[in-house]
Amino acid sequence: QVQLVESGGGLVQPGGSLRLSCAASGNIFARYTMKWYRQAPGNQRELVAVITSGGSTNYADSVKGRFTISRDNAKNTVYLQMNSLKPEDTGVYYCNTPPTPLTGFNDYWGQGTHVTVSS
């Protein structure tokens, strides 16, 4: 079983920055693909960023050029650096390990961290 714990959310003004962290349990973290999702009030959860075990990344069009996903395998942690934040970035951000043979085809989620972008 994989436990994911997000941190780093908060209130920030438009144009500001935040760095989210997601700490994972287990000893094969380096082999996982990791994802960040977000869910705004009244909206469906949407994929924000992905990083593979090899370090390849992909982003939603809405955050390209502003957000950066990275990982530190020595710390079992994935990060989401968010710059030039906009009010529409407000929501709950979730860390995810998608179902693969490495996870026993289980889909693991953290509890979420709240991000509010407002003046």
C-alpha atoms as a PDB file:
ATOM      1  CA  GLN A   1       0.000   0.000   0.000  1.00  0.00           C
ATOM      2  CA  VAL A   2       1.195   3.513  -0.846  1.00  0.00           C
ATOM      3  CA  GLN A   3       0.462   6.461   1.410  1.00  0.00           C
ATOM      4  CA  LEU A   4       0.624   9.936  -0.093  1.00  0.00           C
ATOM      5  CA  VAL A   5       0.717  13.115   1.996  1.00  0.00           C
ATOM      6  CA  GLU A   6       0.467  16.519   0.322  1.00  0.00           C
ATOM      7  CA  SER A   7       1.566  19.806   1.835  1.00  0.00           C
ATOM      8  CA  GLY A   8       2.353  23.353   0.818  1.00  0.00           C
ATOM      9  CA  GLY A   9      -1.045  24.757  -0.028  1.00  0.00           C
ATOM     10  CA  GLY A  10      -2.314  28.104   1.188  1.00  0.00           C
ATOM     11  CA  LEU A  11      -3.565  31.530   0.250  1.00  0.00           C
ATOM     12  CA  VAL A  12      -1.561  33.475  -2.311  1.00  0.00           C
ATOM     13  CA  GLN A  13      -2.161  36.628  -4.317  1.00  0.00           C
ATOM     14  CA  PRO A  14      -2.496  36.515  -8.096  1.00  0.00           C
ATOM     15  CA  GLY A  15       0.938  36.412  -9.663  1.00  0.00           C
ATOM     16  CA  GLY A  16       2.414  34.699  -6.639  1.00  0.00           C
ATOM     17  CA  SER A  17       4.046  31.297  -6.250  1.00  0.00           C
ATOM     18  CA  LEU A  18       3.606  28.161  -4.194  1.00  0.00           C
ATOM     19  CA  ARG A  19       5.415  24.854  -4.064  1.00  0.00           C
ATOM     20  CA  LEU A  20       3.406  21.771  -3.267  1.00  0.00           C
ATOM     21  CA  SER A  21       5.022  18.609  -1.956  1.00  0.00           C
ATOM     22  CA  CYS A  22       3.786  15.035  -1.901  1.00  0.00           C
ATOM     23  CA  ALA A  23       5.612  12.543   0.280  1.00  0.00           C
ATOM     24  CA  ALA A  24       5.119   8.873  -0.566  1.00  0.00           C
ATOM     25  CA  SER A  25       5.653   5.763   1.513  1.00  0.00           C
ATOM     26  CA  GLY A  26       7.362   2.626   0.306  1.00  0.00           C
ATOM     27  CA  ASN A  27      10.714   1.735  -1.174  1.00  0.00           C
ATOM     28  CA  ILE A  28       9.963   1.665  -4.899  1.00  0.00           C
ATOM     29  CA  PHE A  29       8.861   5.283  -5.273  1.00  0.00           C
ATOM     30  CA  ALA A  30      11.460   5.875  -7.969  1.00  0.00           C
ATOM     31  CA  ARG A  31       9.636   3.431 -10.236  1.00  0.00           C
ATOM     32  CA  TYR A  32       6.251   5.124  -9.993  1.00  0.00           C
ATOM     33  CA  THR A  33       4.719   7.562 -12.419  1.00  0.00           C
ATOM     34  CA  MET A  34       3.351  10.403 -10.292  1.00  0.00           C
ATOM     35  CA  LYS A  35       0.569  12.834 -11.093  1.00  0.00           C
ATOM     36  CA  TRP A  36      -0.898  16.043  -9.706  1.00  0.00           C
ATOM     37  CA  TYR A  37      -4.602  16.703 -10.105  1.00  0.00           C
ATOM     38  CA  ARG A  38      -6.741  19.580  -8.956  1.00  0.00           C
ATOM     39  CA  GLN A  39     -10.427  20.106  -8.323  1.00  0.00           C
ATOM     40  CA  ALA A  40     -12.025  23.511  -8.260  1.00  0.00           C
ATOM     41  CA  PRO A  41     -15.338  24.026  -6.446  1.00  0.00           C
ATOM     42  CA  GLY A  42     -18.172  22.691  -8.584  1.00  0.00           C
ATOM     43  CA  ASN A  43     -15.787  21.230 -11.157  1.00  0.00           C
ATOM     44  CA  GLN A  44     -14.510  17.790 -11.974  1.00  0.00           C
ATOM     45  CA  ARG A  45     -11.045  16.752 -10.961  1.00  0.00           C
ATOM     46  CA  GLU A  46      -8.550  17.556 -13.719  1.00  0.00           C
ATOM     47  CA  LEU A  47      -5.050  16.364 -14.456  1.00  0.00           C
ATOM     48  CA  VAL A  48      -2.454  19.095 -13.989  1.00  0.00           C
ATOM     49  CA  ALA A  49       0.947  17.451 -14.429  1.00  0.00           C
ATOM     50  CA  VAL A  50       2.641  14.078 -14.807  1.00  0.00           C
ATOM     51  CA  ILE A  51       6.178  12.866 -14.226  1.00  0.00           C
ATOM     52  CA  THR A  52       7.361   9.400 -15.167  1.00  0.00           C
ATOM     53  CA  SER A  53       9.978   7.287 -13.440  1.00  0.00           C
ATOM     54  CA  GLY A  54      12.406   8.429 -16.116  1.00  0.00           C
ATOM     55  CA  GLY A  55      11.687  12.077 -15.463  1.00  0.00           C
ATOM     56  CA  SER A  56       9.565  12.829 -18.515  1.00  0.00           C
ATOM     57  CA  THR A  57       6.912  15.430 -17.819  1.00  0.00           C
ATOM     58  CA  ASN A  58       3.622  16.549 -19.285  1.00  0.00           C
ATOM     59  CA  TYR A  59       1.286  19.385 -18.377  1.00  0.00           C
ATOM     60  CA  ALA A  60      -2.243  20.570 -18.890  1.00  0.00           C
ATOM     61  CA  ASP A  61      -2.376  23.400 -21.417  1.00  0.00           C
ATOM     62  CA  SER A  62      -3.734  25.728 -18.744  1.00  0.00           C
ATOM     63  CA  VAL A  63      -0.549  25.484 -16.652  1.00  0.00           C
ATOM     64  CA  LYS A  64       2.183  25.071 -19.274  1.00  0.00           C
ATOM     65  CA  GLY A  65       4.982  27.546 -18.745  1.00  0.00           C
ATOM     66  CA  ARG A  66       3.816  28.342 -15.208  1.00  0.00           C
ATOM     67  CA  PHE A  67       3.942  25.029 -13.319  1.00  0.00           C
ATOM     68  CA  THR A  68       6.833  22.591 -12.996  1.00  0.00           C
ATOM     69  CA  ILE A  69       6.595  19.042 -11.703  1.00  0.00           C
ATOM     70  CA  SER A  70       9.729  17.411 -10.320  1.00  0.00           C
ATOM     71  CA  ARG A  71      10.728  14.557  -8.077  1.00  0.00           C
ATOM     72  CA  ASP A  72      13.397  13.707  -5.516  1.00  0.00           C
ATOM     73  CA  ASN A  73      13.589   9.936  -5.364  1.00  0.00           C
ATOM     74  CA  ALA A  74      15.982  10.029  -2.397  1.00  0.00           C
ATOM     75  CA  LYS A  75      13.220  11.760  -0.416  1.00  0.00           C
ATOM     76  CA  ASN A  76      10.297   9.825  -1.925  1.00  0.00           C
ATOM     77  CA  THR A  77       8.777  13.186  -2.807  1.00  0.00           C
ATOM     78  CA  VAL A  78       7.198  14.784  -5.841  1.00  0.00           C
ATOM     79  CA  TYR A  79       6.827  18.547  -6.124  1.00  0.00           C
ATOM     80  CA  LEU A  80       4.668  20.987  -8.022  1.00  0.00           C
ATOM     81  CA  GLN A  81       6.180  24.450  -8.368  1.00  0.00           C
ATOM     82  CA  MET A  82       3.423  26.889  -9.270  1.00  0.00           C
ATOM     83  CA  ASN A  83       4.348  30.347 -10.528  1.00  0.00           C
ATOM     84  CA  SER A  84       2.313  33.241 -11.910  1.00  0.00           C
ATOM     85  CA  LEU A  85      -0.729  31.907 -10.128  1.00  0.00           C
ATOM     86  CA  LYS A  86      -4.176  32.945 -11.287  1.00  0.00           C
ATOM     87  CA  PRO A  87      -7.527  32.890  -9.481  1.00  0.00           C
ATOM     88  CA  GLU A  88      -8.583  30.009 -11.723  1.00  0.00           C
ATOM     89  CA  ASP A  89      -5.789  27.903 -10.206  1.00  0.00           C
ATOM     90  CA  THR A  90      -7.778  27.821  -6.975  1.00  0.00           C
ATOM     91  CA  GLY A  91      -8.768  24.363  -5.845  1.00  0.00           C
ATOM     92  CA  VAL A  92      -7.765  21.273  -3.954  1.00  0.00           C
ATOM     93  CA  TYR A  93      -4.584  19.711  -5.326  1.00  0.00           C
ATOM     94  CA  TYR A  94      -4.157  15.969  -5.106  1.00  0.00           C
ATOM     95  CA  CYS A  95      -1.152  13.747  -5.570  1.00  0.00           C
ATOM     96  CA  ASN A  96      -1.760  10.427  -7.322  1.00  0.00           C
ATOM     97  CA  THR A  97       0.009   7.183  -8.074  1.00  0.00           C
ATOM     98  CA  PRO A  98      -1.916   5.668 -10.974  1.00  0.00           C
ATOM     99  CA  PRO A  99      -2.770   1.956 -11.120  1.00  0.00           C
ATOM    100  CA  THR A 100       0.023  -0.149 -12.613  1.00  0.00           C
ATOM    101  CA  PRO A 101       1.458  -3.590 -11.906  1.00  0.00           C
ATOM    102  CA  LEU A 102       3.848  -1.863  -9.454  1.00  0.00           C
ATOM    103  CA  THR A 103       0.911  -0.692  -7.342  1.00  0.00           C
ATOM    104  CA  GLY A 104      -0.998  -3.940  -7.657  1.00  0.00           C
ATOM    105  CA  PHE A 105      -3.303  -1.983  -9.948  1.00  0.00           C
ATOM    106  CA  ASN A 106      -4.390   0.134  -7.001  1.00  0.00           C
ATOM    107  CA  ASP A 107      -5.034   3.839  -7.559  1.00  0.00           C
ATOM    108  CA  TYR A 108      -3.558   5.800  -4.651  1.00  0.00           C
ATOM    109  CA  TRP A 109      -4.491   9.354  -3.692  1.00  0.00           C
ATOM    110  CA  GLY A 110      -3.433  11.802  -1.052  1.00  0.00           C
ATOM    111  CA  GLN A 111      -5.854  13.760   1.102  1.00  0.00           C
ATOM    112  CA  GLY A 112      -5.358  16.953  -0.900  1.00  0.00           C
ATOM    113  CA  THR A 113      -4.010  20.392  -0.123  1.00  0.00           C
ATOM    114  CA  HIS A 114      -5.986  23.586  -0.631  1.00  0.00           C
ATOM    115  CA  VAL A 115      -4.721  26.367  -2.851  1.00  0.00           C
ATOM    116  CA  THR A 116      -6.525  29.697  -2.930  1.00  0.00           C
ATOM    117  CA  VAL A 117      -5.423  32.433  -5.306  1.00  0.00           C
ATOM    118  CA  SER A 118      -7.101  35.680  -4.358  1.00  0.00           C
ATOM    119  CA  SER A 119      -6.330  39.294  -3.657  1.00  0.00           C
END
